[in-house]
Amino acid sequence: MGPFIYVMAIMGCGDGGYQCQQARIVDTRFETMAQCQQAAEAQLIKNSDLEFPELMASCRSVTNQIAMADPKTRAH
């Protein structure tokens, strides 16, 4: 499969963090899970235009091959 990179999904949730759904994928790609998690607060603020009672960030690993196949997901 190859090395992993990490992407961050911004999740829109109802009150109390329930019924979350993916609202957006952050353009930035991260080399480690720790880098992704460290960027979460800033990305939540940056994506505060979404109309949900609560927002959450979810870091996920993907292989470089999958991420590079789609031009919209290339590393920045």
Protein backbone atom coordinates (compact mmCIF):
# COMPACT_ATOMS: atom_id res chain seq x y z
CA MET A 1 0.00 0.00 0.00
CA GLY A 2 2.62 2.59 0.85
CA PRO A 3 3.20 5.27 3.45
CA PHE A 4 0.28 6.95 5.12
CA ILE A 5 -0.68 10.59 5.17
CA TYR A 6 -3.41 12.07 7.32
CA VAL A 7 -6.41 14.15 6.37
CA MET A 8 -8.77 16.05 8.60
CA ALA A 9 -12.53 15.90 8.24
CA ILE A 10 -14.60 18.64 9.80
CA MET A 11 -17.70 17.05 11.26
CA GLY A 12 -20.92 18.95 11.81
CA CYS A 13 -22.88 17.71 14.82
CA GLY A 14 -26.12 18.31 16.63
CA ASP A 15 -26.22 19.55 20.21
CA GLY A 16 -24.14 17.40 22.54
CA GLY A 17 -21.97 16.06 19.71
CA TYR A 18 -24.64 13.68 18.42
CA GLN A 19 -25.63 12.82 14.85
CA CYS A 20 -22.36 14.01 13.33
CA GLN A 21 -21.83 14.08 9.60
CA GLN A 22 -18.83 14.96 7.51
CA ALA A 23 -19.19 18.55 6.41
CA ARG A 24 -15.81 19.25 4.83
CA ILE A 25 -12.32 17.82 4.26
CA VAL A 26 -9.47 20.22 5.07
CA ASP A 27 -7.15 20.88 2.10
CA THR A 28 -3.97 20.45 4.14
CA ARG A 29 -2.39 16.98 4.34
CA PHE A 30 -0.36 15.94 7.38
CA GLU A 31 2.62 13.58 7.64
CA THR A 32 1.71 12.37 11.14
CA MET A 33 -1.40 11.92 13.23
CA ALA A 34 0.12 14.25 15.85
CA GLN A 35 0.47 17.07 13.28
CA CYS A 36 -3.15 16.61 12.27
CA GLN A 37 -4.36 16.65 15.86
CA GLN A 38 -2.28 19.75 16.66
CA ALA A 39 -3.92 21.61 13.77
CA ALA A 40 -7.47 20.67 14.80
CA GLU A 41 -8.31 23.74 16.89
CA ALA A 42 -7.12 26.18 14.24
CA GLN A 43 -9.02 24.30 11.53
CA LEU A 44 -12.21 24.29 13.59
CA ILE A 45 -11.96 28.06 13.92
CA LYS A 46 -11.20 28.44 10.20
CA ASN A 47 -14.24 26.32 9.30
CA SER A 48 -16.63 28.00 11.73
CA ASP A 49 -18.75 29.20 8.81
CA LEU A 50 -20.52 25.82 8.79
CA GLU A 51 -24.01 25.97 10.26
CA PHE A 52 -24.06 23.23 12.89
CA PRO A 53 -24.56 23.55 16.64
CA GLU A 54 -21.16 21.87 17.14
CA LEU A 55 -18.11 21.14 15.01
CA MET A 56 -15.54 18.39 15.55
CA ALA A 57 -12.32 17.49 13.76
CA SER A 58 -11.52 13.90 12.84
CA CYS A 59 -8.03 12.90 11.64
CA ARG A 60 -7.88 9.89 9.33
CA SER A 61 -5.06 8.02 7.66
CA VAL A 62 -4.98 7.36 3.93
CA THR A 63 -2.27 6.02 1.65
CA ASN A 64 -0.33 8.45 -0.49
CA GLN A 65 -1.51 6.65 -3.63
CA ILE A 66 -5.18 7.22 -2.81
CA ALA A 67 -4.64 10.84 -1.75
CA MET A 68 -2.59 11.68 -4.82
CA ALA A 69 -5.07 10.09 -7.27
CA ASP A 70 -7.50 12.98 -6.82
CA PRO A 71 -6.02 16.42 -7.67
CA LYS A 72 -8.18 18.05 -4.97
CA THR A 73 -6.40 16.01 -2.28
CA ARG A 74 -2.77 16.67 -3.17
CA ALA A 75 -0.43 17.67 -0.35
CA HIS A 76 -0.01 21.39 0.25
